[in-house]
Amino acid sequence: MNSKFYVYIIQCANGQLYTGMTNDVERRFEEHRSGHGGHYTSYAGATKLLYKEEYNTSQEAAKRETQLKGWTRRKKIALMQNNLALLKKL
């Protein structure tokens, strides 16, 4: 079975951005919304799926997730807005 993997960014109820990885974005977002998705989102709440990227392997997705988790909020927002000029500056 050729499963796809995804890196995603969700907005939390407290305004923070949460970055994660999964093979089923819709299921994982519902887990976050219901308080069963992860430690941080269990108390911060998850309100909206803002962004996702698709990968062919879990290794590629994990590498990208690690990269995005190291980014500033501003840089993540530039990515989600497809603002390449700002993304290059940050």
Protein backbone atom coordinates (compact mmCIF):
# COMPACT_ATOMS: atom_id res chain seq x y z
CA MET A 1 0.00 0.00 0.00
CA ASN A 2 1.39 3.37 -1.03
CA SER A 3 0.40 5.67 1.83
CA LYS A 4 1.09 9.39 1.76
CA PHE A 5 2.40 11.36 4.70
CA TYR A 6 1.65 14.93 5.63
CA VAL A 7 3.17 17.75 7.61
CA TYR A 8 0.52 20.12 8.91
CA ILE A 9 0.12 23.34 10.86
CA ILE A 10 -2.91 23.98 13.02
CA GLN A 11 -4.00 27.00 14.98
CA CYS A 12 -4.61 26.49 18.67
CA ALA A 13 -7.29 28.20 20.71
CA ASN A 14 -4.58 30.27 22.43
CA GLY A 15 -3.38 31.58 19.04
CA GLN A 16 -0.22 29.46 18.92
CA LEU A 17 0.72 27.37 15.87
CA TYR A 18 1.26 23.62 16.22
CA THR A 19 3.21 21.62 13.64
CA GLY A 20 2.83 17.87 13.28
CA MET A 21 3.05 14.89 10.95
CA THR A 22 0.56 12.16 10.06
CA ASN A 23 -0.67 9.82 7.34
CA ASP A 24 -4.29 11.07 7.75
CA VAL A 25 -4.65 14.82 8.25
CA GLU A 26 -8.42 14.89 8.81
CA ARG A 27 -8.32 12.11 11.44
CA ARG A 28 -5.34 13.67 13.19
CA PHE A 29 -6.93 17.13 13.29
CA GLU A 30 -10.08 15.65 14.84
CA GLU A 31 -7.90 13.96 17.45
CA HIS A 32 -6.33 17.33 18.26
CA ARG A 33 -9.75 19.01 18.40
CA SER A 34 -11.13 16.38 20.75
CA GLY A 35 -8.18 16.72 23.14
CA HIS A 36 -6.59 13.36 22.23
CA GLY A 37 -4.09 14.54 19.62
CA GLY A 38 -1.02 15.46 21.57
CA HIS A 39 0.19 16.83 24.87
CA TYR A 40 0.29 20.47 23.79
CA THR A 41 -3.01 20.56 21.94
CA SER A 42 -4.76 18.65 24.74
CA TYR A 43 -4.61 21.81 26.85
CA ALA A 44 -4.07 24.53 24.21
CA GLY A 45 -6.97 23.37 22.04
CA ALA A 46 -6.99 23.07 18.25
CA THR A 47 -9.28 25.30 16.25
CA LYS A 48 -8.29 25.28 12.58
CA LEU A 49 -6.17 23.36 10.10
CA LEU A 50 -4.14 26.08 8.39
CA TYR A 51 -1.67 24.26 6.15
CA LYS A 52 -0.48 20.87 4.92
CA GLU A 53 2.22 19.43 2.68
CA GLU A 54 2.24 15.92 1.18
CA TYR A 55 5.21 13.53 1.13
CA ASN A 56 5.78 10.04 -0.24
CA THR A 57 7.67 8.68 2.77
CA SER A 58 7.49 9.14 6.52
CA GLN A 59 11.20 9.97 6.52
CA GLU A 60 10.70 12.94 4.17
CA ALA A 61 7.74 14.18 6.21
CA ALA A 62 9.63 13.79 9.51
CA LYS A 63 12.58 15.77 8.13
CA ARG A 64 10.27 18.59 7.00
CA GLU A 65 8.37 18.55 10.31
CA THR A 66 11.65 19.00 12.19
CA GLN A 67 12.61 21.85 9.87
CA LEU A 68 9.29 23.67 10.31
CA LYS A 69 9.32 23.22 14.08
CA GLY A 70 12.58 25.17 14.10
CA TRP A 71 11.05 28.08 12.22
CA THR A 72 9.66 31.24 13.77
CA ARG A 73 5.94 31.94 13.71
CA ARG A 74 6.55 34.71 11.18
CA LYS A 75 8.36 32.35 8.83
CA LYS A 76 5.56 29.74 9.10
CA ILE A 77 2.98 32.41 8.27
CA ALA A 78 5.02 33.50 5.23
CA LEU A 79 5.07 29.85 4.09
CA MET A 80 1.31 29.47 4.53
CA GLN A 81 0.74 32.70 2.59
CA ASN A 82 3.14 31.51 -0.13
CA ASN A 83 5.09 34.74 0.37
CA LEU A 84 8.38 33.57 -1.13
CA ALA A 85 10.06 36.97 -0.96
CA LEU A 86 9.46 37.27 2.80
CA LEU A 87 10.27 33.59 3.33
CA LYS A 88 13.71 34.10 1.79
CA LYS A 89 14.38 37.09 4.07
CA LEU A 90 13.45 35.30 7.29
